[in-house]
Amino acid sequence: RNGNVIHAPVWFMNQLPKNLGLDGELYAGPGTFSATNGTTKRKHATDDQWAPIKFMVFDVADRKWLNKPFSERYAHLQQVLHEPRENVQLLTHYPVKSARNLYKHYQSIVKSGGEGVVLRNPQMLYEQKRTYNLLKLKPKLDAEAVVIDFTQGQGANKGILGTFKVEMINRDNGKPNGKTFQLSGRMNRNFRQQYKFDVKGKILECRGKGQGFPIRRSI
């Protein structure tokens, strides 16, 4: 997605169909995100590290198929990938027969440790953007935190706000619990420009300037 090169072994690449662009995700099972991410970022990862990883195929991302509905693209994938491949697997799609049917399947996925389900419009064309034809259905998580620091952005956000560092608030007593993480969210550029840095990374301007730094603010 970001244009980064992934140095997969030749034996892994040989399992992919020839002359067909694919949309998918490298996956090694529940709870293996960090290990999988580490392996795929290495230039010289071992065969043993690659062995449990599968390329889960979601869709066709090939120029000659972009104007075909998903139902036709999926049928083509079923033909291309009908023979079992150890490290390449077509993700099974199920037609939604009713809201009750969908919710039952969704609950089974969440109970087994999954994040949720993805809903696709079978008539959708391939779109390289956020679209209402491709939606996630997952539990809504709600929590509170305070901003304890913030950092300068990179690339297009150089010189303005990149991310906030936040500390979680304990629901029982309303006090910070020591757990921190970086938060970017969907902050628009106008909001980010309220936090400005010079070329050396020194803060020039920020919301609440003059009240002390870092700024603690409930979100």
C-alpha atoms as a PDB file:
ATOM      1  CA  ARG A   1       0.000   0.000   0.000  1.00  0.00           C
ATOM      2  CA  ASN A   2       2.863   2.394   0.781  1.00  0.00           C
ATOM      3  CA  GLY A   3       5.006   1.263  -2.147  1.00  0.00           C
ATOM      4  CA  ASN A   4       7.523  -0.533   0.081  1.00  0.00           C
ATOM      5  CA  VAL A   5       9.385  -3.531  -1.339  1.00  0.00           C
ATOM      6  CA  ILE A   6       8.801  -6.804   0.536  1.00  0.00           C
ATOM      7  CA  HIS A   7      11.676  -9.272   0.134  1.00  0.00           C
ATOM      8  CA  ALA A   8       9.744 -12.549   0.107  1.00  0.00           C
ATOM      9  CA  PRO A   9      11.649 -15.770  -0.679  1.00  0.00           C
ATOM     10  CA  VAL A  10      11.564 -17.123  -4.229  1.00  0.00           C
ATOM     11  CA  TRP A  11       9.649 -20.256  -3.142  1.00  0.00           C
ATOM     12  CA  PHE A  12       6.958 -17.976  -1.641  1.00  0.00           C
ATOM     13  CA  MET A  13       6.720 -15.813  -4.765  1.00  0.00           C
ATOM     14  CA  ASN A  14       6.492 -18.869  -7.007  1.00  0.00           C
ATOM     15  CA  GLN A  15       3.151 -19.732  -5.400  1.00  0.00           C
ATOM     16  CA  LEU A  16       1.565 -16.508  -6.665  1.00  0.00           C
ATOM     17  CA  PRO A  17      -0.332 -16.586  -9.980  1.00  0.00           C
ATOM     18  CA  LYS A  18       1.572 -15.104 -12.907  1.00  0.00           C
ATOM     19  CA  ASN A  19       0.547 -11.877 -14.671  1.00  0.00           C
ATOM     20  CA  LEU A  20      -2.274 -10.999 -12.272  1.00  0.00           C
ATOM     21  CA  GLY A  21      -2.250  -8.125  -9.762  1.00  0.00           C
ATOM     22  CA  LEU A  22      -3.680  -9.130  -6.383  1.00  0.00           C
ATOM     23  CA  ASP A  23      -5.025  -7.232  -3.380  1.00  0.00           C
ATOM     24  CA  GLY A  24      -4.481  -8.965  -0.051  1.00  0.00           C
ATOM     25  CA  GLU A  25      -2.648  -9.123   3.260  1.00  0.00           C
ATOM     26  CA  LEU A  26       0.267 -11.075   4.704  1.00  0.00           C
ATOM     27  CA  TYR A  27      -1.072 -12.952   7.728  1.00  0.00           C
ATOM     28  CA  ALA A  28       0.228 -15.667  10.070  1.00  0.00           C
ATOM     29  CA  GLY A  29      -2.722 -16.072  12.438  1.00  0.00           C
ATOM     30  CA  PRO A  30      -4.226 -14.336  15.492  1.00  0.00           C
ATOM     31  CA  GLY A  31      -1.754 -12.563  17.758  1.00  0.00           C
ATOM     32  CA  THR A  32       1.132 -12.685  15.271  1.00  0.00           C
ATOM     33  CA  PHE A  33       1.002  -9.139  13.906  1.00  0.00           C
ATOM     34  CA  SER A  34       4.326  -7.987  15.415  1.00  0.00           C
ATOM     35  CA  ALA A  35       6.218 -11.116  14.337  1.00  0.00           C
ATOM     36  CA  THR A  36       4.759 -10.985  10.807  1.00  0.00           C
ATOM     37  CA  ASN A  37       5.508  -7.279  10.503  1.00  0.00           C
ATOM     38  CA  GLY A  38       9.078  -7.846  11.639  1.00  0.00           C
ATOM     39  CA  THR A  39       9.666 -10.671   9.150  1.00  0.00           C
ATOM     40  CA  THR A  40       8.239  -8.808   6.148  1.00  0.00           C
ATOM     41  CA  LYS A  41      10.374  -5.733   6.883  1.00  0.00           C
ATOM     42  CA  ARG A  42      13.623  -7.736   6.897  1.00  0.00           C
ATOM     43  CA  LYS A  43      15.650  -7.940   3.715  1.00  0.00           C
ATOM     44  CA  HIS A  44      17.079 -11.342   4.643  1.00  0.00           C
ATOM     45  CA  ALA A  45      14.474 -13.102   6.792  1.00  0.00           C
ATOM     46  CA  THR A  46      14.881 -16.886   7.019  1.00  0.00           C
ATOM     47  CA  ASP A  47      12.682 -19.505   5.361  1.00  0.00           C
ATOM     48  CA  ASP A  48      11.536 -20.610   8.837  1.00  0.00           C
ATOM     49  CA  GLN A  49      10.353 -17.063   9.577  1.00  0.00           C
ATOM     50  CA  TRP A  50       8.408 -16.913   6.290  1.00  0.00           C
ATOM     51  CA  ALA A  51       6.962 -20.443   6.520  1.00  0.00           C
ATOM     52  CA  PRO A  52       3.889 -19.612   8.702  1.00  0.00           C
ATOM     53  CA  ILE A  53       2.975 -16.503   6.690  1.00  0.00           C
ATOM     54  CA  LYS A  54       0.175 -16.668   4.139  1.00  0.00           C
ATOM     55  CA  PHE A  55      -0.801 -14.142   1.504  1.00  0.00           C
ATOM     56  CA  MET A  56      -4.567 -13.860   2.039  1.00  0.00           C
ATOM     57  CA  VAL A  57      -6.064 -12.730  -1.272  1.00  0.00           C
ATOM     58  CA  PHE A  58      -8.979 -10.290  -1.028  1.00  0.00           C
ATOM     59  CA  ASP A  59      -9.460  -9.048  -4.564  1.00  0.00           C
ATOM     60  CA  VAL A  60      -8.046  -8.592  -8.059  1.00  0.00           C
ATOM     61  CA  ALA A  61      -6.069  -5.351  -8.403  1.00  0.00           C
ATOM     62  CA  ASP A  62      -5.264  -5.699 -12.068  1.00  0.00           C
ATOM     63  CA  ARG A  63      -5.796  -3.000 -14.698  1.00  0.00           C
ATOM     64  CA  LYS A  64      -7.833  -5.180 -17.058  1.00  0.00           C
ATOM     65  CA  TRP A  65     -10.218  -6.138 -14.231  1.00  0.00           C
ATOM     66  CA  LEU A  66     -10.780  -2.740 -12.611  1.00  0.00           C
ATOM     67  CA  ASN A  67     -14.063  -2.075 -14.438  1.00  0.00           C
ATOM     68  CA  LYS A  68     -15.539  -5.476 -13.615  1.00  0.00           C
ATOM     69  CA  PRO A  69     -17.867  -5.891 -10.586  1.00  0.00           C
ATOM     70  CA  PHE A  70     -16.449  -7.626  -7.525  1.00  0.00           C
ATOM     71  CA  SER A  71     -18.664 -10.680  -8.127  1.00  0.00           C
ATOM     72  CA  GLU A  72     -16.854 -11.287 -11.449  1.00  0.00           C
ATOM     73  CA  ARG A  73     -13.408 -10.558  -9.995  1.00  0.00           C
ATOM     74  CA  TYR A  74     -14.044 -13.012  -7.148  1.00  0.00           C
ATOM     75  CA  ALA A  75     -15.272 -15.710  -9.542  1.00  0.00           C
ATOM     76  CA  HIS A  76     -12.059 -15.265 -11.545  1.00  0.00           C
ATOM     77  CA  LEU A  77      -9.967 -15.626  -8.391  1.00  0.00           C
ATOM     78  CA  GLN A  78     -11.796 -18.848  -7.520  1.00  0.00           C
ATOM     79  CA  GLN A  79     -10.753 -20.256 -10.887  1.00  0.00           C
ATOM     80  CA  VAL A  80      -7.148 -19.040 -10.670  1.00  0.00           C
ATOM     81  CA  LEU A  81      -6.625 -20.208  -7.065  1.00  0.00           C
ATOM     82  CA  HIS A  82      -8.718 -23.383  -7.124  1.00  0.00           C
ATOM     83  CA  GLU A  83      -5.685 -25.576  -6.441  1.00  0.00           C
ATOM     84  CA  PRO A  84      -4.389 -25.475  -2.825  1.00  0.00           C
ATOM     85  CA  ARG A  85      -1.234 -23.423  -2.287  1.00  0.00           C
ATOM     86  CA  GLU A  86       0.572 -23.620   1.016  1.00  0.00           C
ATOM     87  CA  ASN A  87       1.209 -19.882   1.436  1.00  0.00           C
ATOM     88  CA  VAL A  88      -1.394 -18.280  -0.839  1.00  0.00           C
ATOM     89  CA  GLN A  89      -5.064 -18.496   0.084  1.00  0.00           C
ATOM     90  CA  LEU A  90      -8.209 -16.875  -1.288  1.00  0.00           C
ATOM     91  CA  LEU A  91     -10.282 -15.369   1.498  1.00  0.00           C
ATOM     92  CA  THR A  92     -13.752 -16.909   1.472  1.00  0.00           C
ATOM     93  CA  HIS A  93     -16.642 -14.490   1.004  1.00  0.00           C
ATOM     94  CA  TYR A  94     -20.169 -15.290   2.177  1.00  0.00           C
ATOM     95  CA  PRO A  95     -23.356 -13.737   0.747  1.00  0.00           C
ATOM     96  CA  VAL A  96     -25.406 -11.902   3.375  1.00  0.00           C
ATOM     97  CA  LYS A  97     -28.891 -13.452   3.449  1.00  0.00           C
ATOM     98  CA  SER A  98     -30.319 -11.305   6.255  1.00  0.00           C
ATOM     99  CA  ALA A  99     -29.325  -8.936   9.063  1.00  0.00           C
ATOM    100  CA  ARG A 100     -29.783 -11.828  11.526  1.00  0.00           C
ATOM    101  CA  ASN A 101     -27.513 -14.043   9.436  1.00  0.00           C
ATOM    102  CA  LEU A 102     -24.865 -11.305   9.244  1.00  0.00           C
ATOM    103  CA  TYR A 103     -24.924 -10.570  12.972  1.00  0.00           C
ATOM    104  CA  LYS A 104     -24.627 -14.256  13.892  1.00  0.00           C
ATOM    105  CA  HIS A 105     -21.540 -14.622  11.685  1.00  0.00           C
ATOM    106  CA  TYR A 106     -20.113 -11.340  13.015  1.00  0.00           C
ATOM    107  CA  GLN A 107     -20.525 -12.488  16.641  1.00  0.00           C
ATOM    108  CA  SER A 108     -18.758 -15.792  15.922  1.00  0.00           C
ATOM    109  CA  ILE A 109     -15.782 -13.925  14.421  1.00  0.00           C
ATOM    110  CA  VAL A 110     -15.499 -11.499  17.358  1.00  0.00           C
ATOM    111  CA  LYS A 111     -15.827 -14.303  19.944  1.00  0.00           C
ATOM    112  CA  SER A 112     -13.001 -16.207  18.248  1.00  0.00           C
ATOM    113  CA  GLY A 113     -10.701 -13.186  18.622  1.00  0.00           C
ATOM    114  CA  GLY A 114     -11.286 -11.467  15.290  1.00  0.00           C
ATOM    115  CA  GLU A 115     -11.593  -7.708  14.916  1.00  0.00           C
ATOM    116  CA  GLY A 116     -14.891  -7.910  13.030  1.00  0.00           C
ATOM    117  CA  VAL A 117     -16.072  -8.439   9.461  1.00  0.00           C
ATOM    118  CA  VAL A 118     -15.780  -6.570   6.165  1.00  0.00           C
ATOM    119  CA  LEU A 119     -18.849  -5.984   3.999  1.00  0.00           C
ATOM    120  CA  ARG A 120     -18.456  -5.699   0.226  1.00  0.00           C
ATOM    121  CA  ASN A 121     -20.964  -4.606  -2.354  1.00  0.00           C
ATOM    122  CA  PRO A 122     -20.827  -7.442  -4.952  1.00  0.00           C
ATOM    123  CA  GLN A 123     -21.405  -4.894  -7.730  1.00  0.00           C
ATOM    124  CA  MET A 124     -18.583  -2.560  -6.663  1.00  0.00           C
ATOM    125  CA  LEU A 125     -15.781  -1.693  -9.065  1.00  0.00           C
ATOM    126  CA  TYR A 126     -12.226  -1.705  -7.704  1.00  0.00           C
ATOM    127  CA  GLU A 127     -11.608   1.585  -5.843  1.00  0.00           C
ATOM    128  CA  GLN A 128      -8.266   2.733  -4.412  1.00  0.00           C
ATOM    129  CA  LYS A 129      -9.819   4.902  -1.699  1.00  0.00           C
ATOM    130  CA  ARG A 130     -12.197   4.791   1.246  1.00  0.00           C
ATOM    131  CA  THR A 131     -15.595   3.798  -0.064  1.00  0.00           C
ATOM    132  CA  TYR A 132     -19.092   3.002   1.196  1.00  0.00           C
ATOM    133  CA  ASN A 133     -18.946  -0.093  -1.025  1.00  0.00           C
ATOM    134  CA  LEU A 134     -16.407  -1.631   1.363  1.00  0.00           C
ATOM    135  CA  LEU A 135     -17.201  -1.267   5.077  1.00  0.00           C
ATOM    136  CA  LYS A 136     -15.879  -2.647   8.357  1.00  0.00           C
ATOM    137  CA  LEU A 137     -18.295  -3.901  11.003  1.00  0.00           C
ATOM    138  CA  LYS A 138     -16.606  -4.182  14.379  1.00  0.00           C
ATOM    139  CA  PRO A 139     -17.335  -3.476  18.050  1.00  0.00           C
ATOM    140  CA  LYS A 140     -17.217   0.153  19.045  1.00  0.00           C
ATOM    141  CA  LEU A 141     -14.559   0.739  21.673  1.00  0.00           C
ATOM    142  CA  ASP A 142     -14.733   3.821  23.868  1.00  0.00           C
ATOM    143  CA  ALA A 143     -12.055   5.113  26.203  1.00  0.00           C
ATOM    144  CA  GLU A 144     -10.696   8.363  27.647  1.00  0.00           C
ATOM    145  CA  ALA A 145      -7.151   9.702  27.676  1.00  0.00           C
ATOM    146  CA  VAL A 146      -5.209  12.929  28.227  1.00  0.00           C
ATOM    147  CA  VAL A 147      -2.673  14.411  25.840  1.00  0.00           C
ATOM    148  CA  ILE A 148       0.742  14.557  27.518  1.00  0.00           C
ATOM    149  CA  ASP A 149       2.927  15.408  24.529  1.00  0.00           C
ATOM    150  CA  PHE A 150       2.893  15.865  20.765  1.00  0.00           C
ATOM    151  CA  THR A 151       5.326  15.471  17.895  1.00  0.00           C
ATOM    152  CA  GLN A 152       6.087  17.108  14.575  1.00  0.00           C
ATOM    153  CA  GLY A 153       4.713  15.405  11.487  1.00  0.00           C
ATOM    154  CA  GLN A 154       6.626  13.936   8.569  1.00  0.00           C
ATOM    155  CA  GLY A 155       6.264  14.371   4.812  1.00  0.00           C
ATOM    156  CA  ALA A 156       3.264  16.582   4.024  1.00  0.00           C
ATOM    157  CA  ASN A 157       2.887  17.349   7.755  1.00  0.00           C
ATOM    158  CA  LYS A 158       6.479  18.514   8.221  1.00  0.00           C
ATOM    159  CA  GLY A 159       6.500  21.639  10.420  1.00  0.00           C
ATOM    160  CA  ILE A 160       3.055  20.997  11.897  1.00  0.00           C
ATOM    161  CA  LEU A 161       1.405  18.476  14.211  1.00  0.00           C
ATOM    162  CA  GLY A 162       2.073  14.796  13.535  1.00  0.00           C
ATOM    163  CA  THR A 163       0.811  12.765  16.501  1.00  0.00           C
ATOM    164  CA  PHE A 164      -0.297  13.214  20.080  1.00  0.00           C
ATOM    165  CA  LYS A 165       1.132  11.104  22.891  1.00  0.00           C
ATOM    166  CA  VAL A 166      -1.752  10.242  25.194  1.00  0.00           C
ATOM    167  CA  GLU A 167      -2.090   8.515  28.550  1.00  0.00           C
ATOM    168  CA  MET A 168      -5.110   6.341  29.289  1.00  0.00           C
ATOM    169  CA  ILE A 169      -7.491   7.267  32.102  1.00  0.00           C
ATOM    170  CA  ASN A 170      -8.694   4.600  34.529  1.00  0.00           C
ATOM    171  CA  ARG A 171     -12.487   4.296  34.292  1.00  0.00           C
ATOM    172  CA  ASP A 172     -12.810   3.426  37.996  1.00  0.00           C
ATOM    173  CA  ASN A 173     -11.115   6.468  39.537  1.00  0.00           C
ATOM    174  CA  GLY A 174     -10.688   8.895  36.618  1.00  0.00           C
ATOM    175  CA  LYS A 175      -6.890   9.006  37.049  1.00  0.00           C
ATOM    176  CA  PRO A 176      -4.167   8.351  34.414  1.00  0.00           C
ATOM    177  CA  ASN A 177      -3.044   4.711  34.595  1.00  0.00           C
ATOM    178  CA  GLY A 178       0.415   4.978  33.009  1.00  0.00           C
ATOM    179  CA  LYS A 179      -0.495   3.334  29.683  1.00  0.00           C
ATOM    180  CA  THR A 180       0.533   5.570  26.777  1.00  0.00           C
ATOM    181  CA  PHE A 181       0.344   5.406  22.974  1.00  0.00           C
ATOM    182  CA  GLN A 182       0.657   7.625  19.901  1.00  0.00           C
ATOM    183  CA  LEU A 183      -2.597   8.993  18.486  1.00  0.00           C
ATOM    184  CA  SER A 184      -2.989  10.487  15.023  1.00  0.00           C
ATOM    185  CA  GLY A 185      -6.666   9.949  14.258  1.00  0.00           C
ATOM    186  CA  ARG A 186      -8.376  11.824  11.454  1.00  0.00           C
ATOM    187  CA  MET A 187      -7.173  15.306  12.317  1.00  0.00           C
ATOM    188  CA  ASN A 188      -7.556  17.670   9.386  1.00  0.00           C
ATOM    189  CA  ARG A 189      -4.802  19.992   8.204  1.00  0.00           C
ATOM    190  CA  ASN A 190      -6.425  23.116   9.691  1.00  0.00           C
ATOM    191  CA  PHE A 191      -6.263  21.509  13.132  1.00  0.00           C
ATOM    192  CA  ARG A 192      -2.670  20.308  12.643  1.00  0.00           C
ATOM    193  CA  GLN A 193      -1.561  23.824  11.665  1.00  0.00           C
ATOM    194  CA  GLN A 194      -2.377  25.055  15.181  1.00  0.00           C
ATOM    195  CA  TYR A 195       0.859  23.275  16.213  1.00  0.00           C
ATOM    196  CA  LYS A 196       3.913  24.672  14.391  1.00  0.00           C
ATOM    197  CA  PHE A 197       7.622  23.787  14.544  1.00  0.00           C
ATOM    198  CA  ASP A 198      10.733  25.469  13.161  1.00  0.00           C
ATOM    199  CA  VAL A 199      13.335  23.707  10.990  1.00  0.00           C
ATOM    200  CA  LYS A 200      15.117  22.423  14.102  1.00  0.00           C
ATOM    201  CA  GLY A 201      11.936  20.938  15.559  1.00  0.00           C
ATOM    202  CA  LYS A 202      11.447  23.667  18.173  1.00  0.00           C
ATOM    203  CA  ILE A 203       7.809  24.447  18.982  1.00  0.00           C
ATOM    204  CA  LEU A 204       6.764  27.859  17.642  1.00  0.00           C
ATOM    205  CA  GLU A 205       3.047  27.738  18.240  1.00  0.00           C
ATOM    206  CA  CYS A 206       0.539  25.369  19.836  1.00  0.00           C
ATOM    207  CA  ARG A 207      -2.945  25.355  21.305  1.00  0.00           C
ATOM    208  CA  GLY A 208      -2.898  26.576  24.882  1.00  0.00           C
ATOM    209  CA  LYS A 209       0.612  28.038  24.597  1.00  0.00           C
ATOM    210  CA  GLY A 210       1.569  29.851  27.783  1.00  0.00           C
ATOM    211  CA  GLN A 211      -0.185  27.293  30.010  1.00  0.00           C
ATOM    212  CA  GLY A 212       2.924  25.164  30.350  1.00  0.00           C
ATOM    213  CA  PHE A 213       4.213  22.241  28.295  1.00  0.00           C
ATOM    214  CA  PRO A 214       3.342  19.463  27.770  1.00  0.00           C
ATOM    215  CA  ILE A 215      -0.314  20.372  27.572  1.00  0.00           C
ATOM    216  CA  ARG A 216      -2.689  17.963  29.272  1.00  0.00           C
ATOM    217  CA  ARG A 217      -6.058  17.985  27.578  1.00  0.00           C
ATOM    218  CA  SER A 218      -8.938  15.508  27.827  1.00  0.00           C
ATOM    219  CA  ILE A 219     -10.038  13.907  24.552  1.00  0.00           C
END
